[in-house]
Amino acid sequence: MLGFDTRGFGRSKEAVLEIADNGYILTGIDNPYSSILRGAVCDYIRAVEVAHTLLGSRVKRTIFEGTSFGGAMALMATALRPRADMVSA
């Protein structure tokens, strides 16, 4: 099992210097290079890639899971990188 902090939460709060007035998800939305949503989904995909690299053939199945915003990220990540055997949102 692998868990990670989404960009701008937990230990990575310093990755987001200023939250948009309309909320976290809309921060940087006008530019794909600063979009929190894009970055968070990229973080999700990269976390899965790192887990697969570290565990190699010991990975029996891959489940993308999340609740609330995490569920949306699980769906977006599997749409962009179909590596999950199952998605739970």
N, C-alpha and C. Protein backbone atom coordinates (compact mmCIF):
# COMPACT_ATOMS: atom_id res chain seq x y z
N MET A 1 0.85 -1.17 0.00
CA MET A 1 0.00 0.00 0.00
C MET A 1 0.89 1.24 0.00
N LEU A 2 0.48 2.21 -0.78
CA LEU A 2 1.21 3.47 -0.86
C LEU A 2 0.24 4.61 -0.63
N GLY A 3 0.61 5.53 0.21
CA GLY A 3 -0.14 6.76 0.42
C GLY A 3 0.79 7.94 0.17
N PHE A 4 0.25 9.06 -0.21
CA PHE A 4 1.08 10.24 -0.44
C PHE A 4 0.29 11.50 -0.16
N ASP A 5 1.01 12.57 0.14
CA ASP A 5 0.38 13.88 0.32
C ASP A 5 0.17 14.51 -1.05
N THR A 6 -1.04 14.96 -1.28
CA THR A 6 -1.32 15.68 -2.52
C THR A 6 -0.64 17.04 -2.47
N ARG A 7 -0.16 17.48 -3.57
CA ARG A 7 0.53 18.77 -3.68
C ARG A 7 -0.22 19.86 -2.93
N GLY A 8 0.47 20.50 -2.01
CA GLY A 8 -0.12 21.60 -1.27
C GLY A 8 -0.77 21.20 0.04
N PHE A 9 -0.76 19.90 0.37
CA PHE A 9 -1.31 19.42 1.64
C PHE A 9 -0.19 18.78 2.45
N GLY A 10 -0.45 18.54 3.71
CA GLY A 10 0.51 17.82 4.56
C GLY A 10 1.88 18.45 4.53
N ARG A 11 2.88 17.65 4.26
CA ARG A 11 4.27 18.12 4.28
C ARG A 11 4.64 18.93 3.05
N SER A 12 3.76 18.96 2.05
CA SER A 12 4.09 19.69 0.82
C SER A 12 3.36 21.03 0.73
N LYS A 13 2.92 21.57 1.87
CA LYS A 13 2.20 22.85 1.85
C LYS A 13 3.00 23.97 1.20
N GLU A 14 4.32 23.90 1.32
CA GLU A 14 5.16 24.96 0.76
C GLU A 14 5.19 24.92 -0.77
N ALA A 15 4.68 23.85 -1.39
CA ALA A 15 4.64 23.76 -2.85
C ALA A 15 3.61 24.72 -3.43
N VAL A 16 2.68 25.18 -2.60
CA VAL A 16 1.65 26.12 -3.05
C VAL A 16 1.78 27.38 -2.21
N LEU A 17 2.29 28.42 -2.81
CA LEU A 17 2.56 29.63 -2.05
C LEU A 17 1.30 30.41 -1.72
N GLU A 18 0.33 30.41 -2.64
CA GLU A 18 -0.88 31.19 -2.42
C GLU A 18 -2.08 30.44 -2.98
N ILE A 19 -3.08 30.21 -2.15
CA ILE A 19 -4.30 29.53 -2.56
C ILE A 19 -5.24 30.55 -3.20
N ALA A 20 -5.88 30.18 -4.30
CA ALA A 20 -6.82 31.07 -4.99
C ALA A 20 -7.98 31.43 -4.07
N ASP A 21 -8.54 32.61 -4.26
CA ASP A 21 -9.70 33.05 -3.47
C ASP A 21 -10.87 32.09 -3.60
N ASN A 22 -10.99 31.44 -4.76
CA ASN A 22 -12.10 30.51 -5.00
C ASN A 22 -11.82 29.10 -4.50
N GLY A 23 -10.66 28.89 -3.89
CA GLY A 23 -10.37 27.59 -3.30
C GLY A 23 -9.17 26.89 -3.90
N TYR A 24 -8.77 25.85 -3.21
CA TYR A 24 -7.57 25.07 -3.54
C TYR A 24 -7.58 24.55 -4.98
N ILE A 25 -8.66 23.90 -5.38
CA ILE A 25 -8.74 23.26 -6.69
C ILE A 25 -8.56 24.26 -7.83
N LEU A 26 -9.00 25.48 -7.66
CA LEU A 26 -8.91 26.47 -8.73
C LEU A 26 -7.59 27.23 -8.73
N THR A 27 -6.72 26.95 -7.79
CA THR A 27 -5.42 27.62 -7.74
C THR A 27 -4.64 27.33 -9.01
N GLY A 28 -4.26 28.36 -9.72
CA GLY A 28 -3.45 28.24 -10.93
C GLY A 28 -4.19 27.69 -12.13
N ILE A 29 -5.51 27.64 -12.09
CA ILE A 29 -6.30 27.00 -13.14
C ILE A 29 -6.13 27.65 -14.51
N ASP A 30 -5.73 28.91 -14.55
CA ASP A 30 -5.58 29.61 -15.82
C ASP A 30 -4.32 29.21 -16.59
N ASN A 31 -3.46 28.42 -15.97
CA ASN A 31 -2.21 28.02 -16.61
C ASN A 31 -1.94 26.54 -16.30
N PRO A 32 -1.80 25.70 -17.33
CA PRO A 32 -1.59 24.27 -17.05
C PRO A 32 -0.30 23.98 -16.30
N TYR A 33 0.65 24.90 -16.30
CA TYR A 33 1.91 24.68 -15.60
C TYR A 33 1.85 25.04 -14.12
N SER A 34 0.79 25.76 -13.73
CA SER A 34 0.65 26.12 -12.32
C SER A 34 -0.64 25.56 -11.72
N SER A 35 -1.40 24.83 -12.49
CA SER A 35 -2.68 24.29 -12.03
C SER A 35 -2.49 23.24 -10.94
N ILE A 36 -3.10 23.47 -9.78
CA ILE A 36 -3.04 22.51 -8.69
C ILE A 36 -3.68 21.20 -9.12
N LEU A 37 -4.79 21.27 -9.82
CA LEU A 37 -5.48 20.06 -10.24
C LEU A 37 -4.58 19.20 -11.13
N ARG A 38 -3.95 19.82 -12.10
CA ARG A 38 -3.04 19.08 -12.98
C ARG A 38 -1.88 18.50 -12.18
N GLY A 39 -1.30 19.30 -11.31
CA GLY A 39 -0.18 18.84 -10.50
C GLY A 39 -0.55 17.70 -9.58
N ALA A 40 -1.74 17.78 -8.97
CA ALA A 40 -2.18 16.73 -8.05
C ALA A 40 -2.38 15.41 -8.79
N VAL A 41 -2.97 15.45 -9.96
CA VAL A 41 -3.17 14.22 -10.74
C VAL A 41 -1.82 13.66 -11.19
N CYS A 42 -0.90 14.54 -11.59
CA CYS A 42 0.45 14.09 -11.95
C CYS A 42 1.15 13.45 -10.75
N ASP A 43 0.97 14.02 -9.57
CA ASP A 43 1.54 13.43 -8.36
C ASP A 43 0.99 12.04 -8.11
N TYR A 44 -0.31 11.87 -8.32
CA TYR A 44 -0.97 10.57 -8.14
C TYR A 44 -0.35 9.54 -9.09
N ILE A 45 -0.26 9.90 -10.36
CA ILE A 45 0.30 8.99 -11.36
C ILE A 45 1.75 8.66 -11.03
N ARG A 46 2.51 9.67 -10.66
CA ARG A 46 3.94 9.45 -10.36
C ARG A 46 4.11 8.57 -9.13
N ALA A 47 3.26 8.73 -8.12
CA ALA A 47 3.33 7.89 -6.92
C ALA A 47 3.13 6.42 -7.28
N VAL A 48 2.19 6.15 -8.18
CA VAL A 48 1.96 4.77 -8.62
C VAL A 48 3.17 4.24 -9.37
N GLU A 49 3.76 5.04 -10.23
CA GLU A 49 4.94 4.62 -10.98
C GLU A 49 6.10 4.30 -10.04
N VAL A 50 6.30 5.13 -9.02
CA VAL A 50 7.37 4.90 -8.06
C VAL A 50 7.13 3.60 -7.30
N ALA A 51 5.89 3.38 -6.87
CA ALA A 51 5.56 2.14 -6.15
C ALA A 51 5.85 0.92 -7.01
N HIS A 52 5.47 0.97 -8.27
CA HIS A 52 5.73 -0.16 -9.17
C HIS A 52 7.22 -0.37 -9.37
N THR A 53 7.98 0.71 -9.47
CA THR A 53 9.43 0.60 -9.63
C THR A 53 10.06 -0.02 -8.39
N LEU A 54 9.65 0.43 -7.22
CA LEU A 54 10.23 -0.08 -5.98
C LEU A 54 9.85 -1.54 -5.70
N LEU A 55 8.63 -1.90 -6.03
CA LEU A 55 8.14 -3.24 -5.68
C LEU A 55 8.29 -4.26 -6.82
N GLY A 56 8.40 -3.77 -8.03
CA GLY A 56 8.62 -4.66 -9.18
C GLY A 56 7.59 -5.76 -9.30
N SER A 57 8.07 -6.99 -9.44
CA SER A 57 7.19 -8.13 -9.68
C SER A 57 6.36 -8.52 -8.46
N ARG A 58 6.64 -7.92 -7.32
CA ARG A 58 5.85 -8.23 -6.12
C ARG A 58 4.46 -7.59 -6.16
N VAL A 59 4.24 -6.67 -7.10
CA VAL A 59 2.92 -6.05 -7.24
C VAL A 59 1.98 -7.06 -7.88
N LYS A 60 0.94 -7.42 -7.17
CA LYS A 60 -0.04 -8.38 -7.69
C LYS A 60 -1.22 -7.68 -8.36
N ARG A 61 -1.60 -6.53 -7.83
CA ARG A 61 -2.68 -5.76 -8.44
C ARG A 61 -2.52 -4.30 -8.02
N THR A 62 -3.11 -3.44 -8.81
CA THR A 62 -3.04 -2.01 -8.53
C THR A 62 -4.46 -1.48 -8.41
N ILE A 63 -4.73 -0.85 -7.29
CA ILE A 63 -6.05 -0.27 -7.03
C ILE A 63 -5.86 1.22 -6.80
N PHE A 64 -6.54 2.02 -7.59
CA PHE A 64 -6.56 3.47 -7.37
C PHE A 64 -7.77 3.74 -6.49
N GLU A 65 -7.54 4.40 -5.36
CA GLU A 65 -8.62 4.63 -4.40
C GLU A 65 -8.51 6.02 -3.83
N GLY A 66 -9.65 6.60 -3.54
CA GLY A 66 -9.67 7.89 -2.89
C GLY A 66 -11.08 8.27 -2.51
N THR A 67 -11.19 9.13 -1.53
CA THR A 67 -12.49 9.66 -1.14
C THR A 67 -12.50 11.16 -1.39
N SER A 68 -13.65 11.69 -1.66
CA SER A 68 -13.82 13.10 -1.94
C SER A 68 -12.91 13.51 -3.10
N PHE A 69 -12.05 14.48 -2.90
CA PHE A 69 -11.13 14.90 -3.97
C PHE A 69 -10.21 13.77 -4.39
N GLY A 70 -9.83 12.90 -3.46
CA GLY A 70 -9.00 11.75 -3.79
C GLY A 70 -9.68 10.80 -4.76
N GLY A 71 -10.99 10.65 -4.63
CA GLY A 71 -11.74 9.82 -5.57
C GLY A 71 -11.72 10.40 -6.97
N ALA A 72 -11.87 11.71 -7.06
CA ALA A 72 -11.79 12.37 -8.37
C ALA A 72 -10.41 12.21 -8.97
N MET A 73 -9.38 12.32 -8.15
CA MET A 73 -8.01 12.13 -8.64
C MET A 73 -7.80 10.70 -9.11
N ALA A 74 -8.35 9.72 -8.39
CA ALA A 74 -8.22 8.32 -8.80
C ALA A 74 -8.83 8.11 -10.18
N LEU A 75 -10.00 8.70 -10.41
CA LEU A 75 -10.66 8.57 -11.72
C LEU A 75 -9.86 9.26 -12.82
N MET A 76 -9.38 10.47 -12.54
CA MET A 76 -8.62 11.21 -13.55
C MET A 76 -7.30 10.50 -13.84
N ALA A 77 -6.64 10.00 -12.80
CA ALA A 77 -5.35 9.33 -12.99
C ALA A 77 -5.50 8.07 -13.83
N THR A 78 -6.53 7.29 -13.56
CA THR A 78 -6.71 6.07 -14.35
C THR A 78 -7.14 6.36 -15.77
N ALA A 79 -7.82 7.48 -16.00
CA ALA A 79 -8.18 7.87 -17.36
C ALA A 79 -6.94 8.25 -18.16
N LEU A 80 -5.98 8.89 -17.49
CA LEU A 80 -4.75 9.32 -18.17
C LEU A 80 -3.69 8.24 -18.25
N ARG A 81 -3.68 7.38 -17.25
CA ARG A 81 -2.67 6.31 -17.16
C ARG A 81 -3.37 5.04 -16.71
N PRO A 82 -3.97 4.31 -17.65
CA PRO A 82 -4.78 3.14 -17.28
C PRO A 82 -3.92 1.98 -16.76
N ARG A 83 -3.55 2.08 -15.51
CA ARG A 83 -2.69 1.07 -14.89
C ARG A 83 -3.42 0.34 -13.76
N ALA A 84 -4.59 0.80 -13.40
CA ALA A 84 -5.31 0.23 -12.27
C ALA A 84 -6.10 -1.01 -12.68
N ASP A 85 -6.09 -2.00 -11.80
CA ASP A 85 -6.95 -3.15 -11.97
C ASP A 85 -8.35 -2.84 -11.49
N MET A 86 -8.44 -1.88 -10.59
CA MET A 86 -9.72 -1.47 -10.03
C MET A 86 -9.61 -0.03 -9.56
N VAL A 87 -10.72 0.71 -9.65
CA VAL A 87 -10.77 2.08 -9.15
C VAL A 87 -11.92 2.17 -8.16
N SER A 88 -11.65 2.75 -7.00
CA SER A 88 -12.68 2.94 -5.98
C SER A 88 -12.72 4.42 -5.63
N ALA A 89 -13.85 5.05 -5.96
CA ALA A 89 -13.98 6.48 -5.69
C ALA A 89 -15.19 6.72 -4.80
